Every structure is written in structure tokens, then in C-alpha cells.
Amino acid sequence: MLEKKKYIIVAGLAMTFDRQPFVPMPQLLAMADKVNKLNAICSLCGKEAVYHKKINKESFQVSALKPDRRFVARLDASIFQARCRN
């Protein structure tokens, strides 16, 4: 594509809230000539956030970090917050 002066820009999360690869990002990152990785700001302490937590809208309880491939179907019942490593 570069030979044809065509550029492809992709934006997305690298991993899910349960710290699993967010498909197809690993494959896209592997094919990229250049990657600019940006981070959010932690909603608790203000440091650089590399993770995000899933929180139930009604109870405001943080979900456990366990694999859950069906979480996309329940996004309407959740909110997500950027979080640092701490």
C-alpha cells in the first residue's frame, strides 16, 4: 500500500478488560510499519493508564479479572475506567 501512496490508520484497544489480546489488534500490530501507542490517564491516581477496568453501572463494583468471552453482549450494563498498573 505504501508504494501506491495509500496509508491505513487503525485505532483500538490492545487488550480487553480481562487483559486478553483484543483481536485483531495483535495481528494488525505485527503487520504495521509504524505503531504509535497512546495511553489514557488513570481515573484513580492520574498516572499513565495501560489497563481498563469494567465496572457495573448499577452497583459500581469492579468486575473480577477473569476470562469472559461473552462480555461484549453485556457492554450496555457496564462502564469502563482507565487504570494504571497499581
PDB file of N, CA and C in Angstrom:
ATOM      1  N   MET A   1       0.815  -1.190   0.000  1.00  0.00           N
ATOM      2  CA  MET A   1       0.000   0.000   0.000  1.00  0.00           C
ATOM      3  C   MET A   1       0.864   1.261   0.000  1.00  0.00           C
ATOM      4  N   LEU A   2       2.014   1.204   0.659  1.00  0.00           N
ATOM      5  CA  LEU A   2       2.871   2.383   0.696  1.00  0.00           C
ATOM      6  C   LEU A   2       3.369   2.755  -0.694  1.00  0.00           C
ATOM      7  N   GLU A   3       3.624   1.738  -1.522  1.00  0.00           N
ATOM      8  CA  GLU A   3       4.083   2.026  -2.880  1.00  0.00           C
ATOM      9  C   GLU A   3       3.035   2.815  -3.658  1.00  0.00           C
ATOM     10  N   LYS A   4       1.772   2.604  -3.330  1.00  0.00           N
ATOM     11  CA  LYS A   4       0.670   3.295  -4.001  1.00  0.00           C
ATOM     12  C   LYS A   4       0.278   4.580  -3.276  1.00  0.00           C
ATOM     13  N   LYS A   5       1.110   4.997  -2.303  1.00  0.00           N
ATOM     14  CA  LYS A   5       0.843   6.213  -1.511  1.00  0.00           C
ATOM     15  C   LYS A   5      -0.486   6.104  -0.764  1.00  0.00           C
ATOM     16  N   LYS A   6      -0.792   4.904  -0.302  1.00  0.00           N
ATOM     17  CA  LYS A   6      -2.010   4.675   0.479  1.00  0.00           C
ATOM     18  C   LYS A   6      -1.591   4.370   1.911  1.00  0.00           C
ATOM     19  N   TYR A   7      -2.210   5.048   2.841  1.00  0.00           N
ATOM     20  CA  TYR A   7      -1.909   4.860   4.251  1.00  0.00           C
ATOM     21  C   TYR A   7      -3.144   4.327   4.964  1.00  0.00           C
ATOM     22  N   ILE A   8      -2.925   3.418   5.867  1.00  0.00           N
ATOM     23  CA  ILE A   8      -4.016   2.843   6.647  1.00  0.00           C
ATOM     24  C   ILE A   8      -3.783   3.209   8.104  1.00  0.00           C
ATOM     25  N   ILE A   9      -4.775   3.829   8.713  1.00  0.00           N
ATOM     26  CA  ILE A   9      -4.691   4.219  10.118  1.00  0.00           C
ATOM     27  C   ILE A   9      -5.709   3.397  10.896  1.00  0.00           C
ATOM     28  N   VAL A  10      -5.247   2.758  11.957  1.00  0.00           N
ATOM     29  CA  VAL A  10      -6.099   1.909  12.786  1.00  0.00           C
ATOM     30  C   VAL A  10      -6.018   2.407  14.221  1.00  0.00           C
ATOM     31  N   ALA A  11      -7.152   2.453  14.897  1.00  0.00           N
ATOM     32  CA  ALA A  11      -7.183   2.820  16.316  1.00  0.00           C
ATOM     33  C   ALA A  11      -7.999   1.780  17.065  1.00  0.00           C
ATOM     34  N   GLY A  12      -7.570   1.442  18.249  1.00  0.00           N
ATOM     35  CA  GLY A  12      -8.316   0.471  19.045  1.00  0.00           C
ATOM     36  C   GLY A  12      -7.564   0.079  20.292  1.00  0.00           C
ATOM     37  N   LEU A  13      -8.215  -0.701  21.119  1.00  0.00           N
ATOM     38  CA  LEU A  13      -7.609  -1.197  22.347  1.00  0.00           C
ATOM     39  C   LEU A  13      -6.761  -2.426  22.048  1.00  0.00           C
ATOM     40  N   ALA A  14      -5.625  -2.537  22.709  1.00  0.00           N
ATOM     41  CA  ALA A  14      -4.738  -3.681  22.508  1.00  0.00           C
ATOM     42  C   ALA A  14      -5.196  -4.908  23.282  1.00  0.00           C
ATOM     43  N   MET A  15      -5.894  -4.685  24.408  1.00  0.00           N
ATOM     44  CA  MET A  15      -6.361  -5.816  25.199  1.00  0.00           C
ATOM     45  C   MET A  15      -7.719  -5.528  25.821  1.00  0.00           C
ATOM     46  N   THR A  16      -8.399  -6.601  26.194  1.00  0.00           N
ATOM     47  CA  THR A  16      -9.708  -6.485  26.823  1.00  0.00           C
ATOM     48  C   THR A  16      -9.538  -6.122  28.294  1.00  0.00           C
ATOM     49  N   PHE A  17     -10.660  -5.856  28.970  1.00  0.00           N
ATOM     50  CA  PHE A  17     -10.589  -5.512  30.388  1.00  0.00           C
ATOM     51  C   PHE A  17     -10.019  -6.654  31.227  1.00  0.00           C
ATOM     52  N   ASP A  18     -10.106  -7.882  30.733  1.00  0.00           N
ATOM     53  CA  ASP A  18      -9.555  -9.022  31.471  1.00  0.00           C
ATOM     54  C   ASP A  18      -8.141  -9.369  30.998  1.00  0.00           C
ATOM     55  N   ARG A  19      -7.491  -8.400  30.371  1.00  0.00           N
ATOM     56  CA  ARG A  19      -6.087  -8.450  29.955  1.00  0.00           C
ATOM     57  C   ARG A  19      -5.778  -9.547  28.942  1.00  0.00           C
ATOM     58  N   GLN A  20      -6.728  -9.787  28.067  1.00  0.00           N
ATOM     59  CA  GLN A  20      -6.545 -10.730  26.963  1.00  0.00           C
ATOM     60  C   GLN A  20      -6.360  -9.919  25.678  1.00  0.00           C
ATOM     61  N   PRO A  21      -5.618 -10.442  24.700  1.00  0.00           N
ATOM     62  CA  PRO A  21      -5.450  -9.712  23.439  1.00  0.00           C
ATOM     63  C   PRO A  21      -6.799  -9.395  22.795  1.00  0.00           C
ATOM     64  N   PHE A  22      -6.964  -8.167  22.349  1.00  0.00           N
ATOM     65  CA  PHE A  22      -8.204  -7.732  21.707  1.00  0.00           C
ATOM     66  C   PHE A  22      -8.052  -7.959  20.207  1.00  0.00           C
ATOM     67  N   VAL A  23      -8.565  -9.092  19.744  1.00  0.00           N
ATOM     68  CA  VAL A  23      -8.454  -9.491  18.340  1.00  0.00           C
ATOM     69  C   VAL A  23      -9.188  -8.471  17.477  1.00  0.00           C
ATOM     70  N   PRO A  24      -8.631  -8.022  16.393  1.00  0.00           N
ATOM     71  CA  PRO A  24      -7.448  -8.471  15.671  1.00  0.00           C
ATOM     72  C   PRO A  24      -6.219  -7.601  15.908  1.00  0.00           C
ATOM     73  N   MET A  25      -6.165  -6.851  17.004  1.00  0.00           N
ATOM     74  CA  MET A  25      -5.057  -5.920  17.215  1.00  0.00           C
ATOM     75  C   MET A  25      -3.676  -6.574  17.171  1.00  0.00           C
ATOM     76  N   PRO A  26      -3.443  -7.736  17.785  1.00  0.00           N
ATOM     77  CA  PRO A  26      -2.098  -8.320  17.698  1.00  0.00           C
ATOM     78  C   PRO A  26      -1.643  -8.560  16.255  1.00  0.00           C
ATOM     79  N   GLN A  27      -2.554  -9.037  15.418  1.00  0.00           N
ATOM     80  CA  GLN A  27      -2.213  -9.285  14.016  1.00  0.00           C
ATOM     81  C   GLN A  27      -1.947  -7.965  13.277  1.00  0.00           C
ATOM     82  N   LEU A  28      -2.754  -6.949  13.546  1.00  0.00           N
ATOM     83  CA  LEU A  28      -2.559  -5.654  12.890  1.00  0.00           C
ATOM     84  C   LEU A  28      -1.250  -5.007  13.325  1.00  0.00           C
ATOM     85  N   LEU A  29      -0.945  -5.076  14.615  1.00  0.00           N
ATOM     86  CA  LEU A  29       0.308  -4.507  15.113  1.00  0.00           C
ATOM     87  C   LEU A  29       1.510  -5.217  14.508  1.00  0.00           C
ATOM     88  N   ALA A  30       1.399  -6.524  14.311  1.00  0.00           N
ATOM     89  CA  ALA A  30       2.506  -7.292  13.735  1.00  0.00           C
ATOM     90  C   ALA A  30       2.777  -6.906  12.285  1.00  0.00           C
ATOM     91  N   MET A  31       1.760  -6.472  11.553  1.00  0.00           N
ATOM     92  CA  MET A  31       1.921  -6.107  10.142  1.00  0.00           C
ATOM     93  C   MET A  31       2.283  -4.636   9.941  1.00  0.00           C
ATOM     94  N   ALA A  32       2.167  -3.831  10.980  1.00  0.00           N
ATOM     95  CA  ALA A  32       2.353  -2.387  10.833  1.00  0.00           C
ATOM     96  C   ALA A  32       3.817  -2.011  10.641  1.00  0.00           C
ATOM     97  N   ASP A  33       4.046  -1.016   9.775  1.00  0.00           N
ATOM     98  CA  ASP A  33       5.385  -0.457   9.611  1.00  0.00           C
ATOM     99  C   ASP A  33       5.709   0.495  10.752  1.00  0.00           C
ATOM    100  N   LYS A  34       4.678   1.146  11.267  1.00  0.00           N
ATOM    101  CA  LYS A  34       4.869   2.128  12.335  1.00  0.00           C
ATOM    102  C   LYS A  34       3.697   2.022  13.309  1.00  0.00           C
ATOM    103  N   VAL A  35       3.999   2.053  14.607  1.00  0.00           N
ATOM    104  CA  VAL A  35       2.963   1.980  15.639  1.00  0.00           C
ATOM    105  C   VAL A  35       3.165   3.126  16.616  1.00  0.00           C
ATOM    106  N   ASN A  36       2.121   3.902  16.845  1.00  0.00           N
ATOM    107  CA  ASN A  36       2.121   4.944  17.873  1.00  0.00           C
ATOM    108  C   ASN A  36       1.157   4.495  18.957  1.00  0.00           C
ATOM    109  N   LYS A  37       1.695   4.024  20.062  1.00  0.00           N
ATOM    110  CA  LYS A  37       0.848   3.529  21.139  1.00  0.00           C
ATOM    111  C   LYS A  37       0.602   4.665  22.127  1.00  0.00           C
ATOM    112  N   LEU A  38      -0.675   4.946  22.353  1.00  0.00           N
ATOM    113  CA  LEU A  38      -1.065   6.001  23.281  1.00  0.00           C
ATOM    114  C   LEU A  38      -1.693   5.378  24.519  1.00  0.00           C
ATOM    115  N   ASN A  39      -1.620   6.080  25.632  1.00  0.00           N
ATOM    116  CA  ASN A  39      -2.224   5.598  26.870  1.00  0.00           C
ATOM    117  C   ASN A  39      -3.169   6.649  27.419  1.00  0.00           C
ATOM    118  N   ALA A  40      -4.100   6.190  28.223  1.00  0.00           N
ATOM    119  CA  ALA A  40      -5.051   7.081  28.889  1.00  0.00           C
ATOM    120  C   ALA A  40      -4.454   7.534  30.223  1.00  0.00           C
ATOM    121  N   ILE A  41      -5.259   8.250  30.995  1.00  0.00           N
ATOM    122  CA  ILE A  41      -4.876   8.693  32.327  1.00  0.00           C
ATOM    123  C   ILE A  41      -5.700   7.900  33.337  1.00  0.00           C
ATOM    124  N   CYS A  42      -5.054   7.357  34.360  1.00  0.00           N
ATOM    125  CA  CYS A  42      -5.737   6.557  35.374  1.00  0.00           C
ATOM    126  C   CYS A  42      -6.825   7.384  36.052  1.00  0.00           C
ATOM    127  N   SER A  43      -8.019   6.814  36.136  1.00  0.00           N
ATOM    128  CA  SER A  43      -9.153   7.526  36.731  1.00  0.00           C
ATOM    129  C   SER A  43      -9.046   7.612  38.251  1.00  0.00           C
ATOM    130  N   LEU A  44      -8.094   6.900  38.855  1.00  0.00           N
ATOM    131  CA  LEU A  44      -7.921   6.957  40.307  1.00  0.00           C
ATOM    132  C   LEU A  44      -6.779   7.865  40.742  1.00  0.00           C
ATOM    133  N   CYS A  45      -5.615   7.737  40.083  1.00  0.00           N
ATOM    134  CA  CYS A  45      -4.436   8.467  40.571  1.00  0.00           C
ATOM    135  C   CYS A  45      -3.855   9.474  39.586  1.00  0.00           C
ATOM    136  N   GLY A  46      -4.284   9.443  38.322  1.00  0.00           N
ATOM    137  CA  GLY A  46      -3.780  10.395  37.338  1.00  0.00           C
ATOM    138  C   GLY A  46      -2.508   9.968  36.630  1.00  0.00           C
ATOM    139  N   LYS A  47      -1.968   8.792  36.964  1.00  0.00           N
ATOM    140  CA  LYS A  47      -0.775   8.292  36.277  1.00  0.00           C
ATOM    141  C   LYS A  47      -1.166   7.746  34.907  1.00  0.00           C
ATOM    142  N   GLU A  48      -0.146   7.385  34.124  1.00  0.00           N
ATOM    143  CA  GLU A  48      -0.393   6.791  32.813  1.00  0.00           C
ATOM    144  C   GLU A  48      -1.114   5.454  32.985  1.00  0.00           C
ATOM    145  N   ALA A  49      -2.202   5.278  32.260  1.00  0.00           N
ATOM    146  CA  ALA A  49      -3.013   4.059  32.378  1.00  0.00           C
ATOM    147  C   ALA A  49      -2.784   3.153  31.180  1.00  0.00           C
ATOM    148  N   VAL A  50      -2.442   1.914  31.444  1.00  0.00           N
ATOM    149  CA  VAL A  50      -2.252   0.929  30.382  1.00  0.00           C
ATOM    150  C   VAL A  50      -3.356  -0.123  30.383  1.00  0.00           C
ATOM    151  N   TYR A  51      -4.210  -0.099  31.388  1.00  0.00           N
ATOM    152  CA  TYR A  51      -5.309  -1.060  31.513  1.00  0.00           C
ATOM    153  C   TYR A  51      -6.643  -0.332  31.609  1.00  0.00           C
ATOM    154  N   HIS A  52      -7.719  -1.086  31.551  1.00  0.00           N
ATOM    155  CA  HIS A  52      -9.038  -0.530  31.848  1.00  0.00           C
ATOM    156  C   HIS A  52      -9.820  -1.571  32.636  1.00  0.00           C
ATOM    157  N   LYS A  53     -10.682  -1.086  33.512  1.00  0.00           N
ATOM    158  CA  LYS A  53     -11.496  -1.948  34.373  1.00  0.00           C
ATOM    159  C   LYS A  53     -12.946  -1.844  33.956  1.00  0.00           C
ATOM    160  N   LYS A  54     -13.633  -2.969  34.000  1.00  0.00           N
ATOM    161  CA  LYS A  54     -15.063  -2.998  33.712  1.00  0.00           C
ATOM    162  C   LYS A  54     -15.801  -2.833  35.036  1.00  0.00           C
ATOM    163  N   ILE A  55     -16.718  -1.875  35.078  1.00  0.00           N
ATOM    164  CA  ILE A  55     -17.458  -1.575  36.301  1.00  0.00           C
ATOM    165  C   ILE A  55     -18.944  -1.644  35.997  1.00  0.00           C
ATOM    166  N   ASN A  56     -19.702  -2.301  36.857  1.00  0.00           N
ATOM    167  CA  ASN A  56     -21.149  -2.409  36.690  1.00  0.00           C
ATOM    168  C   ASN A  56     -21.785  -1.046  36.926  1.00  0.00           C
ATOM    169  N   LYS A  57     -22.630  -0.581  36.004  1.00  0.00           N
ATOM    170  CA  LYS A  57     -23.262   0.740  36.107  1.00  0.00           C
ATOM    171  C   LYS A  57     -24.131   0.882  37.350  1.00  0.00           C
ATOM    172  N   GLU A  58     -24.827  -0.178  37.718  1.00  0.00           N
ATOM    173  CA  GLU A  58     -25.770  -0.086  38.831  1.00  0.00           C
ATOM    174  C   GLU A  58     -25.086  -0.171  40.186  1.00  0.00           C
ATOM    175  N   SER A  59     -24.158  -1.094  40.344  1.00  0.00           N
ATOM    176  CA  SER A  59     -23.531  -1.291  41.653  1.00  0.00           C
ATOM    177  C   SER A  59     -22.177  -0.605  41.778  1.00  0.00           C
ATOM    178  N   PHE A  60     -21.597  -0.177  40.652  1.00  0.00           N
ATOM    179  CA  PHE A  60     -20.262   0.415  40.599  1.00  0.00           C
ATOM    180  C   PHE A  60     -19.198  -0.514  41.184  1.00  0.00           C
ATOM    181  N   GLN A  61     -19.423  -1.826  41.073  1.00  0.00           N
ATOM    182  CA  GLN A  61     -18.456  -2.819  41.522  1.00  0.00           C
ATOM    183  C   GLN A  61     -17.528  -3.171  40.365  1.00  0.00           C
ATOM    184  N   VAL A  62     -16.244  -3.263  40.666  1.00  0.00           N
ATOM    185  CA  VAL A  62     -15.260  -3.640  39.653  1.00  0.00           C
ATOM    186  C   VAL A  62     -15.372  -5.133  39.398  1.00  0.00           C
ATOM    187  N   SER A  63     -15.425  -5.503  38.128  1.00  0.00           N
ATOM    188  CA  SER A  63     -15.505  -6.917  37.761  1.00  0.00           C
ATOM    189  C   SER A  63     -14.172  -7.607  38.010  1.00  0.00           C
ATOM    190  N   ALA A  64     -14.229  -8.861  38.374  1.00  0.00           N
ATOM    191  CA  ALA A  64     -13.017  -9.653  38.568  1.00  0.00           C
ATOM    192  C   ALA A  64     -12.292  -9.812  37.244  1.00  0.00           C
ATOM    193  N   LEU A  65     -10.971  -9.906  37.302  1.00  0.00           N
ATOM    194  CA  LEU A  65     -10.179 -10.106  36.090  1.00  0.00           C
ATOM    195  C   LEU A  65     -10.140 -11.591  35.764  1.00  0.00           C
ATOM    196  N   LYS A  66     -11.173 -12.054  35.094  1.00  0.00           N
ATOM    197  CA  LYS A  66     -11.238 -13.451  34.679  1.00  0.00           C
ATOM    198  C   LYS A  66     -11.662 -13.496  33.220  1.00  0.00           C
ATOM    199  N   PRO A  67     -11.183 -14.473  32.468  1.00  0.00           N
ATOM    200  CA  PRO A  67     -11.567 -14.559  31.063  1.00  0.00           C
ATOM    201  C   PRO A  67     -13.084 -14.672  30.906  1.00  0.00           C
ATOM    202  N   ASP A  68     -13.626 -13.868  30.022  1.00  0.00           N
ATOM    203  CA  ASP A  68     -15.071 -13.878  29.782  1.00  0.00           C
ATOM    204  C   ASP A  68     -15.297 -13.440  28.345  1.00  0.00           C
ATOM    205  N   ARG A  69     -15.372 -14.379  27.450  1.00  0.00           N
ATOM    206  CA  ARG A  69     -15.504 -14.069  26.027  1.00  0.00           C
ATOM    207  C   ARG A  69     -16.884 -13.533  25.659  1.00  0.00           C
ATOM    208  N   ARG A  70     -17.849 -13.571  26.551  1.00  0.00           N
ATOM    209  CA  ARG A  70     -19.194 -13.102  26.245  1.00  0.00           C
ATOM    210  C   ARG A  70     -19.427 -11.667  26.707  1.00  0.00           C
ATOM    211  N   PHE A  71     -18.388 -10.969  27.172  1.00  0.00           N
ATOM    212  CA  PHE A  71     -18.594  -9.653  27.760  1.00  0.00           C
ATOM    213  C   PHE A  71     -19.137  -8.624  26.776  1.00  0.00           C
ATOM    214  N   VAL A  72     -18.884  -8.782  25.499  1.00  0.00           N
ATOM    215  CA  VAL A  72     -19.361  -7.806  24.518  1.00  0.00           C
ATOM    216  C   VAL A  72     -20.881  -7.709  24.546  1.00  0.00           C
ATOM    217  N   ALA A  73     -21.560  -8.807  24.771  1.00  0.00           N
ATOM    218  CA  ALA A  73     -23.025  -8.808  24.814  1.00  0.00           C
ATOM    219  C   ALA A  73     -23.570  -8.060  26.021  1.00  0.00           C
ATOM    220  N   ARG A  74     -22.735  -7.821  27.027  1.00  0.00           N
ATOM    221  CA  ARG A  74     -23.203  -7.149  28.237  1.00  0.00           C
ATOM    222  C   ARG A  74     -22.621  -5.745  28.401  1.00  0.00           C
ATOM    223  N   LEU A  75     -22.102  -5.159  27.355  1.00  0.00           N
ATOM    224  CA  LEU A  75     -21.490  -3.837  27.453  1.00  0.00           C
ATOM    225  C   LEU A  75     -22.458  -2.765  27.920  1.00  0.00           C
ATOM    226  N   ASP A  76     -23.734  -2.896  27.593  1.00  0.00           N
ATOM    227  CA  ASP A  76     -24.699  -1.872  27.977  1.00  0.00           C
ATOM    228  C   ASP A  76     -24.881  -1.799  29.488  1.00  0.00           C
ATOM    229  N   ALA A  77     -24.516  -2.826  30.229  1.00  0.00           N
ATOM    230  CA  ALA A  77     -24.652  -2.828  31.688  1.00  0.00           C
ATOM    231  C   ALA A  77     -23.349  -2.425  32.377  1.00  0.00           C
ATOM    232  N   SER A  78     -22.362  -2.008  31.606  1.00  0.00           N
ATOM    233  CA  SER A  78     -21.053  -1.718  32.177  1.00  0.00           C
ATOM    234  C   SER A  78     -20.507  -0.380  31.710  1.00  0.00           C
ATOM    235  N   ILE A  79     -19.591   0.143  32.505  1.00  0.00           N
ATOM    236  CA  ILE A  79     -18.788   1.292  32.110  1.00  0.00           C
ATOM    237  C   ILE A  79     -17.332   0.875  32.278  1.00  0.00           C
ATOM    238  N   PHE A  80     -16.438   1.573  31.621  1.00  0.00           N
ATOM    239  CA  PHE A  80     -15.029   1.221  31.689  1.00  0.00           C
ATOM    240  C   PHE A  80     -14.235   2.427  32.164  1.00  0.00           C
ATOM    241  N   GLN A  81     -13.252   2.178  33.030  1.00  0.00           N
ATOM    242  CA  GLN A  81     -12.382   3.230  33.530  1.00  0.00           C
ATOM    243  C   GLN A  81     -10.940   2.875  33.218  1.00  0.00           C
ATOM    244  N   ALA A  82     -10.156   3.881  32.826  1.00  0.00           N
ATOM    245  CA  ALA A  82      -8.732   3.687  32.593  1.00  0.00           C
ATOM    246  C   ALA A  82      -8.044   3.513  33.942  1.00  0.00           C
ATOM    247  N   ARG A  83      -7.093   2.576  34.003  1.00  0.00           N
ATOM    248  CA  ARG A  83      -6.384   2.301  35.254  1.00  0.00           C
ATOM    249  C   ARG A  83      -4.897   2.078  34.984  1.00  0.00           C
ATOM    250  N   CYS A  84      -4.073   2.492  35.953  1.00  0.00           N
ATOM    251  CA  CYS A  84      -2.633   2.255  35.872  1.00  0.00           C
ATOM    252  C   CYS A  84      -2.320   0.852  36.385  1.00  0.00           C
ATOM    253  N   ARG A  85      -1.053   0.521  36.483  1.00  0.00           N
ATOM    254  CA  ARG A  85      -0.650  -0.811  36.939  1.00  0.00           C
ATOM    255  C   ARG A  85      -0.917  -1.036  38.421  1.00  0.00           C
ATOM    256  N   ASN A  86      -1.086   0.015  39.182  1.00  0.00           N
ATOM    257  CA  ASN A  86      -1.271  -0.130  40.644  1.00  0.00           C
ATOM    258  C   ASN A  86      -2.684  -0.415  40.991  1.00  0.00           C
TER     259      ASN A  86
END
